């Protein structure tokens, strides 16, 4: 229960921060260039982390770099990310070979959305039989979106488990400057 409350508070705080009215924010365009260590695809840069973090920690880590946990919104984007993940398999630090993405159904079971923008997930690449919320655990739910490294297929994972993760920085967009 404590973790679920913590998780919901993080999501609420992120949503409130990003939902502030235009007059309450200064906006600055993001550069057209990707930071060192990231890979560009269309209008986004992706950071494939070799660190291990649970889902909320991954969100905070990405935000520290002006990014968010990756949103996969098309088959083209899925194939790009899948190829990048597959190419890093030898250097992954997660023995389970998962990468966290930015989706969750923590607010309403079975209703998946991109956490930072609170938009429903419309493109999916679920592993057959997923999401299943692994009902074998009464005290925990699988509320966070993870991707298998080997296949690129999606799974609903336990948010508390530490995995590698993928951050996405959107280029040519307006982002708030906090401070």
N, C-alpha and C. Protein backbone atom coordinates (compact mmCIF):
# COMPACT_ATOMS: atom_id res chain seq x y z
N UNK A 1 0.83 -1.20 0.00
CA UNK A 1 0.00 0.00 0.00
C UNK A 1 0.86 1.25 0.00
N UNK A 2 1.95 1.25 0.77
CA UNK A 2 2.82 2.42 0.85
C UNK A 2 3.42 2.76 -0.49
N UNK A 3 3.89 1.73 -1.24
CA UNK A 3 4.48 1.99 -2.54
C UNK A 3 3.45 2.54 -3.51
N UNK A 4 2.24 2.00 -3.50
CA UNK A 4 1.18 2.47 -4.40
C UNK A 4 0.86 3.93 -4.14
N UNK A 5 0.78 4.33 -2.89
CA UNK A 5 0.51 5.72 -2.55
C UNK A 5 1.66 6.61 -3.02
N UNK A 6 2.90 6.18 -2.79
CA UNK A 6 4.06 6.92 -3.24
C UNK A 6 4.03 7.09 -4.76
N UNK A 7 3.74 6.00 -5.47
CA UNK A 7 3.68 6.01 -6.92
C UNK A 7 2.61 6.99 -7.42
N UNK A 8 1.43 6.94 -6.84
CA UNK A 8 0.36 7.84 -7.26
C UNK A 8 0.70 9.30 -6.97
N UNK A 9 1.39 9.56 -5.86
CA UNK A 9 1.81 10.93 -5.55
C UNK A 9 2.82 11.43 -6.58
N UNK A 10 3.74 10.58 -7.00
CA UNK A 10 4.71 10.98 -8.03
C UNK A 10 3.99 11.31 -9.32
N UNK A 11 3.07 10.44 -9.75
CA UNK A 11 2.33 10.69 -10.99
C UNK A 11 1.53 11.98 -10.90
N UNK A 12 0.89 12.22 -9.75
CA UNK A 12 0.10 13.43 -9.57
C UNK A 12 0.99 14.66 -9.64
N UNK A 13 2.14 14.61 -8.98
CA UNK A 13 3.06 15.76 -8.97
C UNK A 13 3.58 16.05 -10.36
N UNK A 14 3.92 15.01 -11.10
CA UNK A 14 4.40 15.20 -12.47
C UNK A 14 3.31 15.80 -13.33
N UNK A 15 2.10 15.26 -13.22
CA UNK A 15 0.99 15.77 -14.02
C UNK A 15 0.70 17.23 -13.67
N UNK A 16 0.69 17.57 -12.39
CA UNK A 16 0.42 18.95 -11.97
C UNK A 16 1.50 19.89 -12.49
N UNK A 17 2.76 19.47 -12.41
CA UNK A 17 3.86 20.29 -12.89
C UNK A 17 3.72 20.55 -14.38
N UNK A 18 3.37 19.51 -15.13
CA UNK A 18 3.28 19.65 -16.57
C UNK A 18 1.96 20.26 -17.01
N UNK A 19 0.98 20.32 -16.13
CA UNK A 19 -0.32 20.87 -16.48
C UNK A 19 -0.47 22.34 -16.09
N UNK A 20 0.58 22.93 -15.54
CA UNK A 20 0.50 24.34 -15.15
C UNK A 20 0.09 25.17 -16.36
N UNK A 21 -0.65 26.23 -16.11
CA UNK A 21 -1.11 27.05 -17.22
C UNK A 21 0.07 27.72 -17.90
N UNK A 22 -0.10 28.10 -19.15
CA UNK A 22 0.95 28.72 -19.95
C UNK A 22 1.51 29.95 -19.26
N UNK A 23 0.66 30.77 -18.65
CA UNK A 23 1.13 32.00 -18.02
C UNK A 23 2.03 31.73 -16.81
N UNK A 24 1.98 30.51 -16.25
CA UNK A 24 2.79 30.17 -15.10
C UNK A 24 4.14 29.58 -15.49
N UNK A 25 4.41 29.44 -16.79
CA UNK A 25 5.65 28.79 -17.21
C UNK A 25 6.39 29.67 -18.20
N UNK A 26 7.72 29.56 -18.16
CA UNK A 26 8.54 30.10 -19.21
C UNK A 26 8.81 28.94 -20.14
N UNK A 27 8.76 29.17 -21.44
CA UNK A 27 9.00 28.09 -22.37
C UNK A 27 10.26 28.38 -23.17
N UNK A 28 10.98 27.32 -23.46
CA UNK A 28 12.21 27.44 -24.22
C UNK A 28 12.27 26.29 -25.22
N UNK A 29 12.62 26.55 -26.46
CA UNK A 29 12.70 25.46 -27.43
C UNK A 29 13.87 24.54 -27.12
N UNK A 30 13.66 23.25 -27.34
CA UNK A 30 14.71 22.27 -27.17
C UNK A 30 15.56 22.28 -28.44
N UNK A 31 16.83 22.09 -28.30
CA UNK A 31 17.76 22.07 -29.42
C UNK A 31 17.42 20.96 -30.40
N UNK A 32 17.90 21.11 -31.63
CA UNK A 32 17.75 20.08 -32.64
C UNK A 32 18.77 18.95 -32.48
N UNK A 33 19.71 19.11 -31.56
CA UNK A 33 20.79 18.15 -31.39
C UNK A 33 20.55 17.26 -30.19
N UNK A 34 20.92 16.00 -30.34
CA UNK A 34 20.77 15.05 -29.23
C UNK A 34 21.99 15.13 -28.32
N UNK A 35 21.78 14.92 -27.02
CA UNK A 35 22.92 14.90 -26.10
C UNK A 35 23.84 13.70 -26.38
N UNK A 36 25.08 13.82 -25.99
CA UNK A 36 26.03 12.72 -26.14
C UNK A 36 25.48 11.47 -25.47
N UNK A 37 25.66 10.35 -26.13
CA UNK A 37 25.21 9.08 -25.58
C UNK A 37 23.79 8.71 -25.96
N UNK A 38 23.09 9.62 -26.64
CA UNK A 38 21.71 9.32 -27.04
C UNK A 38 21.68 9.04 -28.54
N UNK A 39 20.56 8.50 -28.99
CA UNK A 39 20.38 8.14 -30.39
C UNK A 39 19.14 8.86 -30.90
N UNK A 40 19.27 9.50 -32.06
CA UNK A 40 18.14 10.25 -32.62
C UNK A 40 17.29 9.37 -33.54
N UNK A 41 16.00 9.56 -33.45
CA UNK A 41 15.03 8.94 -34.37
C UNK A 41 13.90 9.93 -34.56
N UNK A 42 13.67 10.34 -35.79
CA UNK A 42 12.66 11.34 -36.11
C UNK A 42 12.89 12.58 -35.22
N UNK A 43 11.91 13.00 -34.47
CA UNK A 43 12.02 14.21 -33.66
C UNK A 43 12.25 13.91 -32.18
N UNK A 44 12.92 12.79 -31.89
CA UNK A 44 13.23 12.43 -30.51
C UNK A 44 14.65 11.90 -30.41
N UNK A 45 15.20 12.05 -29.20
CA UNK A 45 16.47 11.42 -28.85
C UNK A 45 16.16 10.40 -27.76
N UNK A 46 16.83 9.27 -27.82
CA UNK A 46 16.59 8.19 -26.87
C UNK A 46 17.87 7.88 -26.12
N UNK A 47 17.75 7.77 -24.81
CA UNK A 47 18.85 7.36 -23.94
C UNK A 47 18.52 5.97 -23.43
N UNK A 48 19.39 5.00 -23.72
CA UNK A 48 19.19 3.62 -23.29
C UNK A 48 20.06 3.39 -22.07
N UNK A 49 19.44 3.41 -20.91
CA UNK A 49 20.18 3.38 -19.65
C UNK A 49 20.66 1.98 -19.31
N UNK A 50 21.91 1.92 -18.85
CA UNK A 50 22.46 0.67 -18.33
C UNK A 50 22.34 0.62 -16.81
N UNK A 51 21.79 1.68 -16.22
CA UNK A 51 21.52 1.69 -14.79
C UNK A 51 20.30 0.83 -14.51
N UNK A 52 20.20 0.35 -13.30
CA UNK A 52 19.02 -0.37 -12.86
C UNK A 52 18.24 0.53 -11.92
N UNK A 53 16.94 0.67 -12.16
CA UNK A 53 16.08 1.51 -11.33
C UNK A 53 14.67 0.97 -11.40
N UNK A 54 13.90 1.20 -10.32
CA UNK A 54 12.48 0.84 -10.41
C UNK A 54 11.79 1.88 -11.28
N UNK A 55 10.50 1.69 -11.54
CA UNK A 55 9.81 2.56 -12.50
C UNK A 55 9.76 4.02 -12.03
N UNK A 56 9.37 4.31 -10.78
CA UNK A 56 9.37 5.71 -10.35
C UNK A 56 10.77 6.34 -10.38
N UNK A 57 11.78 5.59 -9.97
CA UNK A 57 13.15 6.12 -10.03
C UNK A 57 13.56 6.41 -11.48
N UNK A 58 13.15 5.54 -12.39
CA UNK A 58 13.45 5.74 -13.81
C UNK A 58 12.81 7.03 -14.33
N UNK A 59 11.58 7.30 -13.89
CA UNK A 59 10.91 8.54 -14.29
C UNK A 59 11.69 9.76 -13.83
N UNK A 60 12.14 9.73 -12.59
CA UNK A 60 12.88 10.86 -12.02
C UNK A 60 14.22 11.02 -12.74
N UNK A 61 14.90 9.93 -13.01
CA UNK A 61 16.17 9.97 -13.71
C UNK A 61 15.98 10.63 -15.09
N UNK A 62 14.97 10.20 -15.83
CA UNK A 62 14.73 10.78 -17.15
C UNK A 62 14.44 12.27 -17.04
N UNK A 63 13.62 12.67 -16.08
CA UNK A 63 13.28 14.08 -15.92
C UNK A 63 14.51 14.92 -15.61
N UNK A 64 15.47 14.36 -14.92
CA UNK A 64 16.70 15.09 -14.62
C UNK A 64 17.46 15.45 -15.90
N UNK A 65 17.22 14.72 -16.97
CA UNK A 65 17.84 14.98 -18.26
C UNK A 65 16.90 15.67 -19.24
N UNK A 66 15.81 16.21 -18.72
CA UNK A 66 14.85 16.89 -19.58
C UNK A 66 14.09 15.93 -20.48
N UNK A 67 13.95 14.71 -20.02
CA UNK A 67 13.32 13.65 -20.81
C UNK A 67 12.16 13.03 -20.03
N UNK A 68 11.57 12.03 -20.59
CA UNK A 68 10.55 11.21 -19.92
C UNK A 68 10.78 9.77 -20.32
N UNK A 69 10.24 8.83 -19.55
CA UNK A 69 10.31 7.43 -19.98
C UNK A 69 9.67 7.35 -21.36
N UNK A 70 10.28 6.59 -22.24
CA UNK A 70 9.88 6.57 -23.65
C UNK A 70 8.43 6.16 -23.86
N UNK A 71 7.81 6.84 -24.83
CA UNK A 71 6.47 6.51 -25.32
C UNK A 71 6.68 5.89 -26.70
N UNK A 72 6.12 4.73 -26.94
CA UNK A 72 6.17 4.12 -28.27
C UNK A 72 4.79 4.26 -28.87
N UNK A 73 4.70 5.08 -29.92
CA UNK A 73 3.39 5.44 -30.46
C UNK A 73 3.14 4.95 -31.88
N UNK A 74 4.07 4.17 -32.44
CA UNK A 74 3.85 3.64 -33.79
C UNK A 74 4.72 2.40 -34.00
N UNK A 75 4.37 1.63 -35.02
CA UNK A 75 5.14 0.44 -35.36
C UNK A 75 6.55 0.84 -35.78
N UNK A 76 6.69 1.95 -36.48
CA UNK A 76 8.00 2.43 -36.92
C UNK A 76 8.89 2.75 -35.71
N UNK A 77 8.34 3.44 -34.74
CA UNK A 77 9.09 3.77 -33.53
C UNK A 77 9.43 2.50 -32.74
N UNK A 78 8.48 1.57 -32.67
CA UNK A 78 8.71 0.28 -31.99
C UNK A 78 9.90 -0.44 -32.61
N UNK A 79 9.92 -0.51 -33.94
CA UNK A 79 10.99 -1.23 -34.63
C UNK A 79 12.34 -0.56 -34.40
N UNK A 80 12.37 0.77 -34.38
CA UNK A 80 13.61 1.49 -34.11
C UNK A 80 14.12 1.17 -32.70
N UNK A 81 13.25 1.33 -31.70
CA UNK A 81 13.66 1.10 -30.31
C UNK A 81 14.04 -0.36 -30.10
N UNK A 82 13.28 -1.26 -30.68
CA UNK A 82 13.58 -2.69 -30.56
C UNK A 82 14.97 -2.99 -31.13
N UNK A 83 15.31 -2.42 -32.28
CA UNK A 83 16.63 -2.65 -32.87
C UNK A 83 17.74 -2.09 -31.99
N UNK A 84 17.51 -0.91 -31.40
CA UNK A 84 18.50 -0.31 -30.52
C UNK A 84 18.70 -1.15 -29.26
N UNK A 85 17.61 -1.61 -28.68
CA UNK A 85 17.69 -2.44 -27.48
C UNK A 85 18.40 -3.75 -27.79
N UNK A 86 18.06 -4.35 -28.91
CA UNK A 86 18.68 -5.62 -29.29
C UNK A 86 20.19 -5.44 -29.48
N UNK A 87 20.59 -4.30 -30.03
CA UNK A 87 22.02 -4.06 -30.28
C UNK A 87 22.80 -3.85 -28.98
N UNK A 88 22.11 -3.54 -27.88
CA UNK A 88 22.80 -3.32 -26.59
C UNK A 88 22.72 -4.53 -25.67
N UNK A 89 22.20 -5.65 -26.15
CA UNK A 89 21.96 -6.79 -25.26
C UNK A 89 23.21 -7.25 -24.52
N UNK A 90 24.38 -7.16 -25.12
CA UNK A 90 25.60 -7.60 -24.47
C UNK A 90 26.01 -6.73 -23.30
N UNK A 91 25.52 -5.49 -23.26
CA UNK A 91 25.94 -4.57 -22.19
C UNK A 91 24.81 -4.26 -21.21
N UNK A 92 23.69 -4.94 -21.32
CA UNK A 92 22.59 -4.69 -20.39
C UNK A 92 22.94 -5.23 -19.01
N UNK A 93 22.50 -4.52 -17.99
CA UNK A 93 22.80 -4.92 -16.62
C UNK A 93 21.64 -5.62 -15.93
N UNK A 94 20.47 -5.66 -16.56
CA UNK A 94 19.30 -6.31 -15.98
C UNK A 94 19.31 -7.80 -16.35
N UNK A 95 19.46 -8.68 -15.38
CA UNK A 95 19.46 -10.11 -15.71
C UNK A 95 18.13 -10.59 -16.30
N UNK A 96 17.05 -9.87 -16.03
CA UNK A 96 15.75 -10.23 -16.58
C UNK A 96 15.55 -9.70 -18.00
N UNK A 97 16.44 -8.80 -18.44
CA UNK A 97 16.44 -8.26 -19.81
C UNK A 97 15.18 -7.47 -20.15
N UNK A 98 14.77 -6.60 -19.23
CA UNK A 98 13.64 -5.71 -19.46
C UNK A 98 14.11 -4.26 -19.52
N UNK A 99 13.36 -3.44 -20.21
CA UNK A 99 13.53 -1.98 -20.19
C UNK A 99 12.20 -1.35 -19.82
N UNK A 100 12.20 -0.42 -18.87
CA UNK A 100 11.00 0.33 -18.53
C UNK A 100 10.66 1.31 -19.63
N UNK A 101 9.35 1.41 -19.93
CA UNK A 101 8.79 2.43 -20.81
C UNK A 101 7.85 3.29 -19.97
N UNK A 102 7.27 4.34 -20.56
CA UNK A 102 6.49 5.31 -19.79
C UNK A 102 5.02 5.01 -19.58
N UNK A 103 4.58 3.79 -19.78
CA UNK A 103 3.16 3.47 -19.62
C UNK A 103 2.82 2.90 -18.26
N UNK A 104 1.58 3.12 -17.82
CA UNK A 104 1.11 2.59 -16.55
C UNK A 104 -0.41 2.41 -16.56
N UNK A 105 -0.88 1.50 -15.73
CA UNK A 105 -2.32 1.37 -15.48
C UNK A 105 -2.58 1.43 -13.97
N UNK A 106 -1.71 2.15 -13.24
CA UNK A 106 -1.81 2.22 -11.78
C UNK A 106 -3.07 2.92 -11.31
N UNK A 107 -3.60 3.84 -12.08
CA UNK A 107 -4.78 4.59 -11.66
C UNK A 107 -6.04 3.74 -11.81
N UNK A 108 -6.15 3.03 -12.94
CA UNK A 108 -7.32 2.19 -13.20
C UNK A 108 -6.84 0.93 -13.90
N UNK A 109 -6.94 -0.20 -13.22
CA UNK A 109 -6.44 -1.46 -13.74
C UNK A 109 -6.99 -1.75 -15.14
N UNK A 110 -6.07 -2.02 -16.07
CA UNK A 110 -6.44 -2.37 -17.43
C UNK A 110 -6.56 -1.17 -18.36
N UNK A 111 -6.51 0.04 -17.84
CA UNK A 111 -6.56 1.25 -18.65
C UNK A 111 -5.16 1.85 -18.70
N UNK A 112 -4.44 1.55 -19.78
CA UNK A 112 -3.05 1.95 -19.91
C UNK A 112 -2.95 3.35 -20.51
N UNK A 113 -2.05 4.15 -19.94
CA UNK A 113 -1.82 5.50 -20.46
C UNK A 113 -0.35 5.86 -20.29
N UNK A 114 0.08 6.86 -21.08
CA UNK A 114 1.44 7.40 -20.95
C UNK A 114 1.42 8.33 -19.76
N UNK A 115 2.21 8.02 -18.75
CA UNK A 115 2.14 8.68 -17.44
C UNK A 115 2.38 10.18 -17.50
N UNK A 116 3.41 10.63 -18.18
CA UNK A 116 3.76 12.04 -18.13
C UNK A 116 2.75 12.95 -18.82
N UNK A 117 2.07 12.43 -19.82
CA UNK A 117 1.11 13.26 -20.55
C UNK A 117 -0.34 12.84 -20.30
N UNK A 118 -0.54 11.79 -19.54
CA UNK A 118 -1.86 11.27 -19.20
C UNK A 118 -2.72 11.13 -20.47
N UNK A 119 -2.14 10.45 -21.46
CA UNK A 119 -2.82 10.14 -22.72
C UNK A 119 -2.95 8.63 -22.84
N UNK A 120 -4.10 8.15 -23.31
CA UNK A 120 -4.26 6.69 -23.47
C UNK A 120 -3.24 6.13 -24.45
N UNK A 121 -2.79 4.92 -24.19
CA UNK A 121 -1.89 4.23 -25.11
C UNK A 121 -2.75 3.64 -26.22
N UNK A 122 -2.47 4.05 -27.45
CA UNK A 122 -3.26 3.55 -28.58
C UNK A 122 -2.51 2.51 -29.39
N UNK A 123 -1.21 2.69 -29.58
CA UNK A 123 -0.38 1.67 -30.23
C UNK A 123 0.10 0.72 -29.13
N UNK A 124 0.04 -0.58 -29.36
CA UNK A 124 0.55 -1.54 -28.38
C UNK A 124 1.35 -2.65 -29.07
N UNK A 125 2.19 -3.30 -28.31
CA UNK A 125 2.98 -4.43 -28.79
C UNK A 125 3.10 -5.48 -27.67
N UNK A 126 1.96 -5.82 -27.08
CA UNK A 126 1.93 -6.74 -25.95
C UNK A 126 2.38 -8.14 -26.35
N UNK A 127 3.10 -8.78 -25.46
CA UNK A 127 3.40 -10.20 -25.58
C UNK A 127 2.06 -10.94 -25.50
N UNK A 128 1.86 -12.04 -26.23
CA UNK A 128 0.59 -12.76 -26.12
C UNK A 128 0.26 -13.09 -24.66
N UNK A 129 -0.97 -12.84 -24.26
CA UNK A 129 -1.41 -13.09 -22.89
C UNK A 129 -1.17 -11.92 -21.94
N UNK A 130 -0.54 -10.88 -22.43
CA UNK A 130 -0.27 -9.68 -21.62
C UNK A 130 -1.18 -8.55 -22.10
N UNK A 131 -1.45 -7.59 -21.27
CA UNK A 131 -1.11 -7.52 -19.85
C UNK A 131 -2.01 -8.45 -19.04
N UNK A 132 -1.44 -9.07 -18.03
CA UNK A 132 -2.21 -10.04 -17.25
C UNK A 132 -2.24 -9.72 -15.75
N UNK A 133 -1.54 -8.69 -15.32
CA UNK A 133 -1.49 -8.27 -13.92
C UNK A 133 -1.04 -9.38 -12.98
N UNK A 134 -0.46 -10.44 -13.50
CA UNK A 134 0.08 -11.55 -12.72
C UNK A 134 -0.61 -11.70 -11.37
N UNK A 135 -1.81 -12.20 -11.41
CA UNK A 135 -2.65 -12.29 -10.20
C UNK A 135 -2.13 -13.25 -9.15
N UNK A 136 -0.92 -13.75 -9.30
CA UNK A 136 -0.34 -14.64 -8.29
C UNK A 136 0.09 -13.89 -7.04
N UNK A 137 0.10 -12.58 -7.07
CA UNK A 137 0.53 -11.78 -5.93
C UNK A 137 -0.63 -10.91 -5.46
N UNK A 138 -1.09 -11.15 -4.25
CA UNK A 138 -2.23 -10.40 -3.72
C UNK A 138 -1.87 -8.98 -3.31
N UNK A 139 -0.61 -8.77 -2.89
CA UNK A 139 -0.24 -7.46 -2.36
C UNK A 139 0.42 -6.54 -3.39
N UNK A 140 0.74 -7.04 -4.57
CA UNK A 140 1.36 -6.23 -5.61
C UNK A 140 0.62 -6.42 -6.93
N UNK A 141 0.68 -5.40 -7.74
CA UNK A 141 0.08 -5.48 -9.07
C UNK A 141 1.13 -5.11 -10.10
N UNK A 142 0.94 -5.58 -11.30
CA UNK A 142 1.83 -5.23 -12.40
C UNK A 142 1.22 -4.01 -13.09
N UNK A 143 1.70 -2.84 -12.71
CA UNK A 143 1.11 -1.59 -13.18
C UNK A 143 2.02 -0.76 -14.07
N UNK A 144 3.20 -1.26 -14.40
CA UNK A 144 4.15 -0.45 -15.17
C UNK A 144 4.59 -1.19 -16.42
N UNK A 145 4.77 -0.45 -17.49
CA UNK A 145 5.07 -1.03 -18.80
C UNK A 145 6.55 -1.30 -18.98
N UNK A 146 6.87 -2.55 -19.33
CA UNK A 146 8.24 -2.96 -19.60
C UNK A 146 8.30 -3.64 -20.96
N UNK A 147 9.48 -3.60 -21.58
CA UNK A 147 9.69 -4.23 -22.88
C UNK A 147 10.79 -5.28 -22.75
N UNK A 148 10.53 -6.48 -23.30
CA UNK A 148 11.54 -7.53 -23.33
C UNK A 148 12.64 -7.12 -24.31
N UNK A 149 13.89 -7.28 -23.91
CA UNK A 149 15.00 -6.93 -24.79
C UNK A 149 15.06 -7.83 -26.02
N UNK A 150 14.84 -9.11 -25.83
CA UNK A 150 15.05 -10.07 -26.91
C UNK A 150 14.00 -9.99 -28.01
N UNK A 151 12.76 -9.66 -27.66
CA UNK A 151 11.68 -9.68 -28.65
C UNK A 151 11.08 -8.31 -28.93
N UNK A 152 11.26 -7.36 -28.01
CA UNK A 152 10.62 -6.06 -28.14
C UNK A 152 9.16 -6.07 -27.71
N UNK A 153 8.66 -7.24 -27.29
CA UNK A 153 7.26 -7.32 -26.87
C UNK A 153 7.10 -6.72 -25.48
N UNK A 154 5.89 -6.26 -25.20
CA UNK A 154 5.61 -5.55 -23.96
C UNK A 154 5.05 -6.49 -22.89
N UNK A 155 5.28 -6.10 -21.65
CA UNK A 155 4.78 -6.84 -20.49
C UNK A 155 4.38 -5.84 -19.41
N UNK A 156 3.38 -6.18 -18.63
CA UNK A 156 3.07 -5.36 -17.46
C UNK A 156 3.94 -5.86 -16.32
N UNK A 157 4.75 -4.98 -15.77
CA UNK A 157 5.72 -5.37 -14.76
C UNK A 157 5.43 -4.79 -13.40
N UNK A 158 6.09 -5.37 -12.38
CA UNK A 158 5.99 -4.85 -11.02
C UNK A 158 6.83 -3.58 -10.94
N UNK A 159 6.22 -2.47 -10.60
CA UNK A 159 6.87 -1.16 -10.60
C UNK A 159 8.07 -1.09 -9.66
N UNK A 160 8.09 -1.95 -8.64
CA UNK A 160 9.16 -1.90 -7.63
C UNK A 160 10.44 -2.58 -8.10
N UNK A 161 10.36 -3.39 -9.15
CA UNK A 161 11.52 -4.15 -9.62
C UNK A 161 12.44 -3.24 -10.42
N UNK A 162 13.73 -3.43 -10.24
CA UNK A 162 14.71 -2.61 -10.94
C UNK A 162 15.04 -3.23 -12.30
N UNK A 163 14.93 -2.39 -13.35
CA UNK A 163 15.26 -2.78 -14.72
C UNK A 163 16.05 -1.64 -15.35
N UNK A 164 16.60 -1.90 -16.53
CA UNK A 164 17.13 -0.83 -17.35
C UNK A 164 15.93 -0.01 -17.83
N UNK A 165 16.16 1.13 -18.45
CA UNK A 165 15.04 1.97 -18.89
C UNK A 165 15.45 2.81 -20.08
N UNK A 166 14.45 3.36 -20.76
CA UNK A 166 14.67 4.17 -21.95
C UNK A 166 14.05 5.53 -21.73
N UNK A 167 14.87 6.58 -21.86
CA UNK A 167 14.39 7.96 -21.76
C UNK A 167 14.24 8.53 -23.17
N UNK A 168 13.25 9.39 -23.33
CA UNK A 168 13.00 10.05 -24.62
C UNK A 168 13.01 11.56 -24.42
N UNK A 169 13.78 12.23 -25.26
CA UNK A 169 13.80 13.69 -25.29
C UNK A 169 13.17 14.10 -26.61
N UNK A 170 12.11 14.87 -26.54
CA UNK A 170 11.44 15.32 -27.76
C UNK A 170 12.09 16.61 -28.25
N UNK A 171 12.46 16.63 -29.51
CA UNK A 171 13.11 17.78 -30.11
C UNK A 171 12.09 18.73 -30.71
N UNK A 172 12.50 19.97 -30.91
CA UNK A 172 11.64 20.99 -31.52
C UNK A 172 10.30 21.11 -30.83
N UNK A 173 10.32 20.99 -29.52
CA UNK A 173 9.09 21.17 -28.76
C UNK A 173 9.36 22.24 -27.69
N UNK A 174 8.32 22.75 -27.14
CA UNK A 174 8.45 23.74 -26.07
C UNK A 174 8.42 23.00 -24.74
N UNK A 175 9.42 23.28 -23.90
CA UNK A 175 9.47 22.63 -22.60
C UNK A 175 9.52 23.70 -21.52
N UNK A 176 8.93 23.41 -20.35
CA UNK A 176 8.96 24.40 -19.28
C UNK A 176 10.35 24.53 -18.67
N UNK A 177 10.71 25.73 -18.32
CA UNK A 177 11.92 25.97 -17.54
C UNK A 177 11.47 26.19 -16.11
N UNK A 178 11.93 25.33 -15.23
CA UNK A 178 11.53 25.40 -13.83
C UNK A 178 12.57 26.22 -13.08
N UNK A 179 12.07 27.16 -12.27
CA UNK A 179 13.03 27.88 -11.45
C UNK A 179 12.89 29.36 -11.50
